[in-house]
Amino acid sequence: MTRRSLRMSAAAALLGVSLVVAGCGSSSGSSPAASTPTTATTPAAAPNTISTATGTDGTYLVGPSGRALYLFDADGKGVSKCSGACASAWPPLIISGTPAVSGGVKAAELGTTTNGSHQVTYNGHPLYYFAGDSGPGTTTGQGSDDFGAEWWLVSTAGASVTTGSSAGASSGY
């Protein structure tokens, strides 16, 4: 084999390996649920972006995966009261680094919990996903009364999103 054909063979092999590796990469999100029509205001493509979506319950915050974010009425300002079985059902939003914002989310409202877990907060509310949500556009945790208090979607104002005329009502902080 000539030197040139060896280089071309090596380049072709490297390209093939690169394509296989790219095809095996993992995805951070799930496919959107078809049951609840929801439109993301801004795609949450960046790994640390907190954005918004709009659905039947109004406009609410979504995490980097595009999944709905909730607040827990039992939490104190900046302090999570959800651990153990609660945190399994309602996983906290943990982001390393500084989160980016889009879709009406206010960067000044973002913070982390004071209990050392680096859980993201918005307007002092620790943020959670709901394990029962199948993916972006699903909000089956909305209004749940699990672990001793209610769970609500979070508005861009940092308040509970409740249905009907009380949408955007404060959660008591």
N, C-alpha and C. Protein backbone atom coordinates (compact mmCIF):
# COMPACT_ATOMS: atom_id res chain seq x y z
N MET A 1 0.83 -1.18 0.00
CA MET A 1 0.00 0.00 0.00
C MET A 1 0.87 1.24 0.00
N THR A 2 0.43 2.22 -0.70
CA THR A 2 1.19 3.46 -0.73
C THR A 2 0.89 4.28 0.52
N ARG A 3 1.75 5.23 0.76
CA ARG A 3 1.58 6.10 1.93
C ARG A 3 0.27 6.88 1.84
N ARG A 4 -0.08 7.33 0.64
CA ARG A 4 -1.31 8.09 0.44
C ARG A 4 -2.53 7.22 0.72
N SER A 5 -2.57 6.00 0.24
CA SER A 5 -3.73 5.14 0.47
C SER A 5 -3.84 4.75 1.94
N LEU A 6 -2.69 4.63 2.65
CA LEU A 6 -2.72 4.38 4.09
C LEU A 6 -3.38 5.54 4.84
N ARG A 7 -3.01 6.79 4.46
CA ARG A 7 -3.60 7.97 5.09
C ARG A 7 -5.10 8.03 4.82
N MET A 8 -5.51 7.74 3.61
CA MET A 8 -6.94 7.78 3.27
C MET A 8 -7.70 6.70 4.03
N SER A 9 -7.12 5.52 4.18
CA SER A 9 -7.76 4.45 4.93
C SER A 9 -7.89 4.83 6.40
N ALA A 10 -6.86 5.43 6.96
CA ALA A 10 -6.89 5.86 8.36
C ALA A 10 -7.93 6.95 8.56
N ALA A 11 -8.01 7.90 7.63
CA ALA A 11 -9.00 8.98 7.72
C ALA A 11 -10.42 8.42 7.63
N ALA A 12 -10.65 7.48 6.74
CA ALA A 12 -11.97 6.87 6.60
C ALA A 12 -12.34 6.10 7.86
N ALA A 13 -11.38 5.38 8.44
CA ALA A 13 -11.65 4.64 9.68
C ALA A 13 -11.98 5.61 10.82
N LEU A 14 -11.24 6.70 10.93
CA LEU A 14 -11.49 7.71 11.96
C LEU A 14 -12.87 8.33 11.79
N LEU A 15 -13.25 8.63 10.56
CA LEU A 15 -14.57 9.19 10.29
C LEU A 15 -15.66 8.19 10.69
N GLY A 16 -15.47 6.94 10.38
CA GLY A 16 -16.45 5.90 10.75
C GLY A 16 -16.61 5.78 12.25
N VAL A 17 -15.50 5.77 13.00
CA VAL A 17 -15.55 5.70 14.46
C VAL A 17 -16.25 6.94 15.01
N SER A 18 -15.95 8.12 14.45
CA SER A 18 -16.59 9.36 14.91
C SER A 18 -18.10 9.30 14.72
N LEU A 19 -18.55 8.79 13.61
CA LEU A 19 -19.99 8.68 13.36
C LEU A 19 -20.65 7.71 14.32
N VAL A 20 -20.00 6.60 14.61
CA VAL A 20 -20.55 5.62 15.55
C VAL A 20 -20.64 6.22 16.94
N VAL A 21 -19.58 6.89 17.38
CA VAL A 21 -19.57 7.51 18.71
C VAL A 21 -20.65 8.59 18.80
N ALA A 22 -20.81 9.41 17.77
CA ALA A 22 -21.84 10.46 17.78
C ALA A 22 -23.23 9.85 17.85
N GLY A 23 -23.44 8.74 17.17
CA GLY A 23 -24.74 8.08 17.20
C GLY A 23 -25.06 7.44 18.52
N CYS A 24 -24.04 7.13 19.33
CA CYS A 24 -24.25 6.49 20.62
C CYS A 24 -24.36 7.48 21.76
N GLY A 25 -24.24 8.76 21.49
CA GLY A 25 -24.32 9.77 22.55
C GLY A 25 -25.67 9.74 23.23
N SER A 26 -25.70 10.19 24.48
CA SER A 26 -26.96 10.18 25.21
C SER A 26 -27.69 11.49 25.02
N SER A 27 -28.99 11.44 25.22
CA SER A 27 -29.83 12.62 25.13
C SER A 27 -30.35 12.95 26.52
N SER A 28 -30.41 14.23 26.87
CA SER A 28 -30.86 14.60 28.21
C SER A 28 -32.36 14.71 28.32
N GLY A 29 -33.06 14.64 27.22
CA GLY A 29 -34.51 14.82 27.30
C GLY A 29 -35.25 13.59 26.85
N SER A 30 -36.54 13.59 27.07
CA SER A 30 -37.41 12.53 26.60
C SER A 30 -38.23 13.06 25.45
N SER A 31 -38.89 12.16 24.74
CA SER A 31 -39.74 12.64 23.67
C SER A 31 -40.95 13.33 24.27
N PRO A 32 -41.45 14.39 23.62
CA PRO A 32 -42.58 15.12 24.16
C PRO A 32 -43.81 14.25 24.27
N ALA A 33 -44.58 14.47 25.32
CA ALA A 33 -45.83 13.74 25.52
C ALA A 33 -46.87 14.30 24.57
N ALA A 34 -47.65 13.42 23.97
CA ALA A 34 -48.65 13.86 23.02
C ALA A 34 -49.94 14.27 23.70
N SER A 35 -50.13 13.92 24.97
CA SER A 35 -51.41 14.15 25.62
C SER A 35 -51.65 15.59 26.04
N THR A 36 -50.62 16.36 26.33
CA THR A 36 -50.80 17.73 26.77
C THR A 36 -50.08 18.66 25.81
N PRO A 37 -50.83 19.39 24.95
CA PRO A 37 -50.15 20.27 24.01
C PRO A 37 -49.48 21.42 24.76
N THR A 38 -48.18 21.56 24.54
CA THR A 38 -47.41 22.61 25.19
C THR A 38 -46.43 23.16 24.18
N THR A 39 -46.22 24.45 24.21
CA THR A 39 -45.29 25.08 23.32
C THR A 39 -44.19 25.73 24.12
N ALA A 40 -42.96 25.37 23.85
CA ALA A 40 -41.85 26.03 24.53
C ALA A 40 -41.71 27.43 23.97
N THR A 41 -41.62 28.41 24.85
CA THR A 41 -41.43 29.78 24.41
C THR A 41 -40.07 29.92 23.74
N THR A 42 -39.07 29.31 24.32
CA THR A 42 -37.72 29.30 23.78
C THR A 42 -37.16 27.91 24.00
N PRO A 43 -36.55 27.30 22.98
CA PRO A 43 -36.01 25.96 23.19
C PRO A 43 -34.97 25.95 24.29
N ALA A 44 -35.04 24.97 25.16
CA ALA A 44 -34.08 24.83 26.24
C ALA A 44 -32.95 23.91 25.80
N ALA A 45 -32.22 24.33 24.76
CA ALA A 45 -31.20 23.48 24.19
C ALA A 45 -29.89 23.51 24.97
N ALA A 46 -29.55 24.64 25.56
CA ALA A 46 -28.30 24.74 26.31
C ALA A 46 -28.40 23.90 27.57
N PRO A 47 -27.32 23.29 28.01
CA PRO A 47 -27.37 22.35 29.13
C PRO A 47 -27.78 22.97 30.47
N ASN A 48 -27.65 24.27 30.65
CA ASN A 48 -28.00 24.90 31.92
C ASN A 48 -29.09 25.97 31.78
N THR A 49 -29.93 25.87 30.76
CA THR A 49 -30.91 26.92 30.52
C THR A 49 -32.24 26.65 31.21
N ILE A 50 -32.68 27.64 31.99
CA ILE A 50 -34.02 27.62 32.56
C ILE A 50 -34.86 28.48 31.63
N SER A 51 -35.96 27.94 31.14
CA SER A 51 -36.78 28.62 30.15
C SER A 51 -38.24 28.53 30.55
N THR A 52 -39.14 28.77 29.61
CA THR A 52 -40.58 28.69 29.87
C THR A 52 -41.27 27.83 28.82
N ALA A 53 -42.45 27.38 29.19
CA ALA A 53 -43.35 26.68 28.27
C ALA A 53 -44.75 27.19 28.59
N THR A 54 -45.64 27.04 27.64
CA THR A 54 -47.02 27.45 27.84
C THR A 54 -47.92 26.26 27.52
N GLY A 55 -48.83 25.97 28.43
CA GLY A 55 -49.77 24.87 28.25
C GLY A 55 -51.13 25.25 28.80
N THR A 56 -51.93 24.26 29.10
CA THR A 56 -53.28 24.50 29.60
C THR A 56 -53.29 25.20 30.95
N ASP A 57 -52.20 25.12 31.71
CA ASP A 57 -52.11 25.78 33.01
C ASP A 57 -51.48 27.16 32.93
N GLY A 58 -51.13 27.62 31.75
CA GLY A 58 -50.49 28.92 31.59
C GLY A 58 -49.02 28.78 31.27
N THR A 59 -48.24 29.84 31.51
CA THR A 59 -46.81 29.85 31.27
C THR A 59 -46.09 29.48 32.55
N TYR A 60 -45.11 28.59 32.45
CA TYR A 60 -44.41 28.08 33.61
C TYR A 60 -42.96 27.80 33.26
N LEU A 61 -42.13 27.67 34.31
CA LEU A 61 -40.71 27.40 34.12
C LEU A 61 -40.46 25.95 33.73
N VAL A 62 -39.44 25.76 32.90
CA VAL A 62 -38.98 24.42 32.54
C VAL A 62 -37.47 24.36 32.72
N GLY A 63 -36.97 23.19 33.04
CA GLY A 63 -35.54 22.98 33.23
C GLY A 63 -34.83 22.77 31.91
N PRO A 64 -33.52 22.52 31.98
CA PRO A 64 -32.72 22.32 30.77
C PRO A 64 -33.24 21.21 29.86
N SER A 65 -33.91 20.22 30.42
CA SER A 65 -34.45 19.12 29.62
C SER A 65 -35.78 19.48 28.97
N GLY A 66 -36.33 20.66 29.30
CA GLY A 66 -37.63 21.06 28.77
C GLY A 66 -38.78 20.59 29.63
N ARG A 67 -38.48 19.86 30.71
CA ARG A 67 -39.53 19.35 31.60
C ARG A 67 -39.97 20.42 32.58
N ALA A 68 -41.24 20.35 32.99
CA ALA A 68 -41.83 21.32 33.91
C ALA A 68 -41.11 21.34 35.25
N LEU A 69 -41.03 22.53 35.85
CA LEU A 69 -40.47 22.70 37.19
C LEU A 69 -41.57 23.09 38.16
N TYR A 70 -41.46 22.57 39.39
CA TYR A 70 -42.48 22.76 40.41
C TYR A 70 -41.87 23.37 41.67
N LEU A 71 -42.73 23.99 42.48
CA LEU A 71 -42.37 24.40 43.83
C LEU A 71 -43.23 23.62 44.80
N PHE A 72 -42.75 23.49 46.04
CA PHE A 72 -43.41 22.71 47.09
C PHE A 72 -43.83 23.69 48.19
N ASP A 73 -45.12 23.77 48.47
CA ASP A 73 -45.62 24.73 49.45
C ASP A 73 -45.05 24.53 50.85
N ALA A 74 -44.53 23.35 51.17
CA ALA A 74 -43.96 23.10 52.50
C ALA A 74 -42.56 23.69 52.69
N ASP A 75 -41.89 24.02 51.57
CA ASP A 75 -40.53 24.54 51.66
C ASP A 75 -40.51 25.93 52.29
N GLY A 76 -39.41 26.22 52.96
CA GLY A 76 -39.16 27.58 53.42
C GLY A 76 -38.41 28.34 52.34
N LYS A 77 -38.28 29.63 52.47
CA LYS A 77 -37.57 30.42 51.47
C LYS A 77 -36.11 29.96 51.41
N GLY A 78 -35.74 29.37 50.28
CA GLY A 78 -34.37 28.90 50.07
C GLY A 78 -34.03 27.61 50.78
N VAL A 79 -35.01 26.95 51.40
CA VAL A 79 -34.75 25.72 52.16
C VAL A 79 -35.70 24.62 51.68
N SER A 80 -35.14 23.52 51.23
CA SER A 80 -35.94 22.39 50.78
C SER A 80 -36.36 21.52 51.96
N LYS A 81 -37.61 21.11 51.98
CA LYS A 81 -38.13 20.19 53.00
C LYS A 81 -38.40 18.82 52.36
N CYS A 82 -37.90 18.61 51.16
CA CYS A 82 -38.15 17.38 50.41
C CYS A 82 -36.87 16.57 50.33
N SER A 83 -36.87 15.39 50.98
CA SER A 83 -35.71 14.49 50.92
C SER A 83 -36.21 13.06 50.96
N GLY A 84 -35.32 12.11 50.80
CA GLY A 84 -35.69 10.69 50.85
C GLY A 84 -36.69 10.33 49.77
N ALA A 85 -37.82 9.71 50.19
CA ALA A 85 -38.85 9.28 49.24
C ALA A 85 -39.42 10.48 48.49
N CYS A 86 -39.53 11.60 49.16
CA CYS A 86 -40.03 12.82 48.52
C CYS A 86 -39.12 13.19 47.35
N ALA A 87 -37.81 13.22 47.57
CA ALA A 87 -36.87 13.60 46.52
C ALA A 87 -36.80 12.56 45.39
N SER A 88 -37.21 11.33 45.67
CA SER A 88 -37.28 10.33 44.60
C SER A 88 -38.47 10.61 43.69
N ALA A 89 -39.59 11.01 44.28
CA ALA A 89 -40.78 11.33 43.50
C ALA A 89 -40.68 12.73 42.88
N TRP A 90 -40.00 13.62 43.57
CA TRP A 90 -39.86 15.02 43.15
C TRP A 90 -38.37 15.38 43.12
N PRO A 91 -37.63 14.92 42.10
CA PRO A 91 -36.19 15.17 42.05
C PRO A 91 -35.88 16.67 41.99
N PRO A 92 -34.94 17.12 42.81
CA PRO A 92 -34.57 18.53 42.78
C PRO A 92 -33.82 18.89 41.51
N LEU A 93 -33.95 20.14 41.09
CA LEU A 93 -33.18 20.63 39.95
C LEU A 93 -31.80 21.02 40.45
N ILE A 94 -30.80 20.26 40.04
CA ILE A 94 -29.41 20.52 40.41
C ILE A 94 -28.67 20.87 39.12
N ILE A 95 -28.01 22.01 39.11
CA ILE A 95 -27.23 22.42 37.94
C ILE A 95 -25.86 22.84 38.43
N SER A 96 -24.83 22.33 37.77
CA SER A 96 -23.49 22.80 38.10
C SER A 96 -23.20 24.02 37.23
N GLY A 97 -22.56 24.99 37.80
CA GLY A 97 -22.28 26.21 37.06
C GLY A 97 -23.44 27.19 37.15
N THR A 98 -23.34 28.24 36.39
CA THR A 98 -24.35 29.28 36.40
C THR A 98 -25.41 28.98 35.35
N PRO A 99 -26.69 28.91 35.75
CA PRO A 99 -27.71 28.65 34.76
C PRO A 99 -27.95 29.86 33.85
N ALA A 100 -28.27 29.59 32.61
CA ALA A 100 -28.67 30.62 31.65
C ALA A 100 -30.19 30.73 31.70
N VAL A 101 -30.73 31.82 31.19
CA VAL A 101 -32.18 32.01 31.20
C VAL A 101 -32.66 32.42 29.82
N SER A 102 -33.92 32.12 29.55
CA SER A 102 -34.58 32.57 28.33
C SER A 102 -36.08 32.54 28.55
N GLY A 103 -36.83 33.10 27.61
CA GLY A 103 -38.29 33.02 27.66
C GLY A 103 -38.94 33.76 28.81
N GLY A 104 -38.41 34.87 29.26
CA GLY A 104 -39.03 35.63 30.33
C GLY A 104 -38.56 35.26 31.72
N VAL A 105 -37.65 34.29 31.82
CA VAL A 105 -37.09 33.91 33.12
C VAL A 105 -36.09 35.00 33.52
N LYS A 106 -36.15 35.43 34.77
CA LYS A 106 -35.29 36.52 35.26
C LYS A 106 -34.07 35.94 35.99
N ALA A 107 -32.89 36.22 35.46
CA ALA A 107 -31.65 35.71 36.05
C ALA A 107 -31.50 36.16 37.50
N ALA A 108 -31.97 37.35 37.82
CA ALA A 108 -31.84 37.87 39.19
C ALA A 108 -32.64 37.05 40.20
N GLU A 109 -33.62 36.29 39.75
CA GLU A 109 -34.45 35.48 40.64
C GLU A 109 -33.84 34.11 40.92
N LEU A 110 -32.80 33.73 40.18
CA LEU A 110 -32.17 32.42 40.36
C LEU A 110 -31.20 32.43 41.54
N GLY A 111 -31.14 31.32 42.23
CA GLY A 111 -30.20 31.14 43.33
C GLY A 111 -30.05 29.67 43.60
N THR A 112 -29.49 29.32 44.76
CA THR A 112 -29.39 27.94 45.18
C THR A 112 -29.83 27.84 46.64
N THR A 113 -30.17 26.63 47.07
CA THR A 113 -30.62 26.41 48.43
C THR A 113 -29.49 26.65 49.41
N THR A 114 -29.87 26.95 50.63
CA THR A 114 -28.88 27.19 51.67
C THR A 114 -28.52 25.90 52.41
N ASN A 115 -29.17 24.79 52.07
CA ASN A 115 -28.89 23.54 52.77
C ASN A 115 -27.71 22.77 52.18
N GLY A 116 -26.97 23.39 51.29
CA GLY A 116 -25.75 22.78 50.78
C GLY A 116 -25.90 21.87 49.59
N SER A 117 -27.12 21.66 49.09
CA SER A 117 -27.29 20.73 47.98
C SER A 117 -27.10 21.37 46.61
N HIS A 118 -27.00 22.67 46.55
CA HIS A 118 -26.88 23.42 45.30
C HIS A 118 -28.11 23.23 44.41
N GLN A 119 -29.24 23.02 45.06
CA GLN A 119 -30.51 22.93 44.34
C GLN A 119 -30.86 24.33 43.85
N VAL A 120 -31.29 24.43 42.60
CA VAL A 120 -31.64 25.73 42.03
C VAL A 120 -32.93 26.24 42.66
N THR A 121 -32.95 27.54 42.94
CA THR A 121 -34.15 28.21 43.45
C THR A 121 -34.55 29.31 42.48
N TYR A 122 -35.82 29.67 42.52
CA TYR A 122 -36.33 30.79 41.74
C TYR A 122 -37.22 31.59 42.66
N ASN A 123 -36.89 32.85 42.87
CA ASN A 123 -37.60 33.71 43.82
C ASN A 123 -37.63 33.05 45.20
N GLY A 124 -36.56 32.36 45.55
CA GLY A 124 -36.45 31.70 46.85
C GLY A 124 -37.05 30.31 46.92
N HIS A 125 -37.81 29.90 45.91
CA HIS A 125 -38.45 28.58 45.90
C HIS A 125 -37.49 27.52 45.37
N PRO A 126 -37.16 26.49 46.14
CA PRO A 126 -36.40 25.37 45.56
C PRO A 126 -37.22 24.74 44.42
N LEU A 127 -36.55 24.37 43.34
CA LEU A 127 -37.23 23.85 42.16
C LEU A 127 -37.07 22.34 42.04
N TYR A 128 -38.14 21.70 41.55
CA TYR A 128 -38.19 20.24 41.43
C TYR A 128 -38.81 19.83 40.10
N TYR A 129 -38.43 18.65 39.64
CA TYR A 129 -39.15 17.97 38.57
C TYR A 129 -40.14 17.02 39.24
N PHE A 130 -41.08 16.46 38.48
CA PHE A 130 -41.95 15.41 38.99
C PHE A 130 -41.63 14.14 38.23
N ALA A 131 -41.30 13.07 38.95
CA ALA A 131 -40.91 11.80 38.32
C ALA A 131 -42.04 11.24 37.46
N GLY A 132 -43.28 11.58 37.75
CA GLY A 132 -44.42 11.09 36.99
C GLY A 132 -44.64 11.79 35.66
N ASP A 133 -43.94 12.88 35.41
CA ASP A 133 -44.04 13.56 34.11
C ASP A 133 -43.21 12.79 33.10
N SER A 134 -43.82 12.45 31.98
CA SER A 134 -43.13 11.63 30.99
C SER A 134 -42.14 12.39 30.13
N GLY A 135 -42.19 13.71 30.14
CA GLY A 135 -41.25 14.49 29.33
C GLY A 135 -41.76 15.90 29.16
N PRO A 136 -41.14 16.66 28.26
CA PRO A 136 -41.59 18.03 28.01
C PRO A 136 -43.07 18.06 27.64
N GLY A 137 -43.76 19.05 28.18
CA GLY A 137 -45.19 19.20 27.88
C GLY A 137 -46.10 18.47 28.84
N THR A 138 -45.55 17.67 29.73
CA THR A 138 -46.35 16.92 30.69
C THR A 138 -46.30 17.63 32.04
N THR A 139 -47.47 17.86 32.64
CA THR A 139 -47.54 18.57 33.93
C THR A 139 -48.46 17.82 34.88
N THR A 140 -48.27 16.51 34.99
CA THR A 140 -49.16 15.70 35.83
C THR A 140 -48.97 15.93 37.32
N GLY A 141 -47.89 16.60 37.71
CA GLY A 141 -47.68 16.90 39.12
C GLY A 141 -48.43 18.14 39.59
N GLN A 142 -48.96 18.91 38.66
CA GLN A 142 -49.63 20.17 38.97
C GLN A 142 -50.77 19.98 39.97
N GLY A 143 -50.70 20.68 41.11
CA GLY A 143 -51.76 20.63 42.12
C GLY A 143 -51.74 19.40 43.00
N SER A 144 -50.72 18.55 42.86
CA SER A 144 -50.63 17.34 43.68
C SER A 144 -50.47 17.71 45.15
N ASP A 145 -50.99 16.85 46.01
CA ASP A 145 -50.87 17.04 47.46
C ASP A 145 -50.06 15.86 48.00
N ASP A 146 -48.78 15.85 47.69
CA ASP A 146 -47.88 14.77 48.09
C ASP A 146 -46.95 15.25 49.19
N PHE A 147 -46.65 14.39 50.13
CA PHE A 147 -45.68 14.63 51.18
C PHE A 147 -46.05 15.83 52.06
N GLY A 148 -47.36 16.02 52.25
CA GLY A 148 -47.84 16.99 53.22
C GLY A 148 -48.13 18.39 52.73
N ALA A 149 -47.96 18.66 51.45
CA ALA A 149 -48.27 20.00 50.94
C ALA A 149 -48.49 19.92 49.43
N GLU A 150 -48.92 21.02 48.86
CA GLU A 150 -49.21 21.03 47.42
C GLU A 150 -47.98 21.40 46.60
N TRP A 151 -48.01 20.92 45.37
CA TRP A 151 -46.96 21.14 44.38
C TRP A 151 -47.55 21.94 43.24
N TRP A 152 -46.84 23.00 42.81
CA TRP A 152 -47.35 23.87 41.76
C TRP A 152 -46.27 24.15 40.72
N LEU A 153 -46.72 24.35 39.50
CA LEU A 153 -45.82 24.88 38.48
C LEU A 153 -45.38 26.27 38.93
N VAL A 154 -44.28 26.77 38.38
CA VAL A 154 -43.71 28.05 38.80
C VAL A 154 -43.82 29.06 37.66
N SER A 155 -44.39 30.23 37.95
CA SER A 155 -44.52 31.30 36.95
C SER A 155 -43.20 32.05 36.81
N THR A 156 -43.09 32.87 35.78
CA THR A 156 -41.89 33.69 35.59
C THR A 156 -41.75 34.73 36.70
N ALA A 157 -42.83 35.02 37.42
CA ALA A 157 -42.77 35.93 38.56
C ALA A 157 -42.27 35.21 39.81
N GLY A 158 -42.12 33.88 39.74
CA GLY A 158 -41.65 33.10 40.88
C GLY A 158 -42.76 32.70 41.82
N ALA A 159 -43.99 32.71 41.36
CA ALA A 159 -45.14 32.35 42.17
C ALA A 159 -45.74 31.04 41.67
N SER A 160 -46.63 30.46 42.46
CA SER A 160 -47.34 29.25 42.05
C SER A 160 -48.25 29.56 40.88
N VAL A 161 -48.28 28.65 39.93
CA VAL A 161 -49.25 28.73 38.85
C VAL A 161 -50.39 27.82 39.27
N THR A 162 -51.54 28.39 39.53
CA THR A 162 -52.71 27.59 39.86
C THR A 162 -53.74 27.80 38.76
N THR A 163 -54.66 26.89 38.61
CA THR A 163 -55.64 27.01 37.53
C THR A 163 -56.73 28.01 37.89
N GLY A 164 -57.44 28.49 36.87
CA GLY A 164 -58.56 29.41 37.07
C GLY A 164 -58.10 30.82 37.36
N SER A 165 -58.93 31.57 38.07
CA SER A 165 -58.68 32.99 38.30
C SER A 165 -57.54 33.24 39.27
N SER A 166 -57.07 32.21 39.97
CA SER A 166 -55.99 32.41 40.95
C SER A 166 -54.61 32.15 40.33
N ALA A 167 -54.53 32.04 39.01
CA ALA A 167 -53.24 31.79 38.35
C ALA A 167 -52.21 32.82 38.76
N GLY A 168 -51.04 32.33 39.13
CA GLY A 168 -49.95 33.21 39.53
C GLY A 168 -50.02 33.63 40.99
N ALA A 169 -50.92 33.03 41.76
CA ALA A 169 -51.04 33.39 43.17
C ALA A 169 -49.78 33.01 43.94
N SER A 170 -49.50 33.73 44.97
CA SER A 170 -48.31 33.45 45.78
C SER A 170 -48.49 32.17 46.56
N SER A 171 -47.39 31.50 46.85
CA SER A 171 -47.48 30.25 47.60
C SER A 171 -47.29 30.47 49.09
N GLY A 172 -47.34 31.68 49.55
CA GLY A 172 -47.30 31.91 50.98
C GLY A 172 -45.98 32.40 51.54
N TYR A 173 -44.99 32.69 50.73
CA TYR A 173 -43.74 33.21 51.29
C TYR A 173 -43.96 34.65 51.61
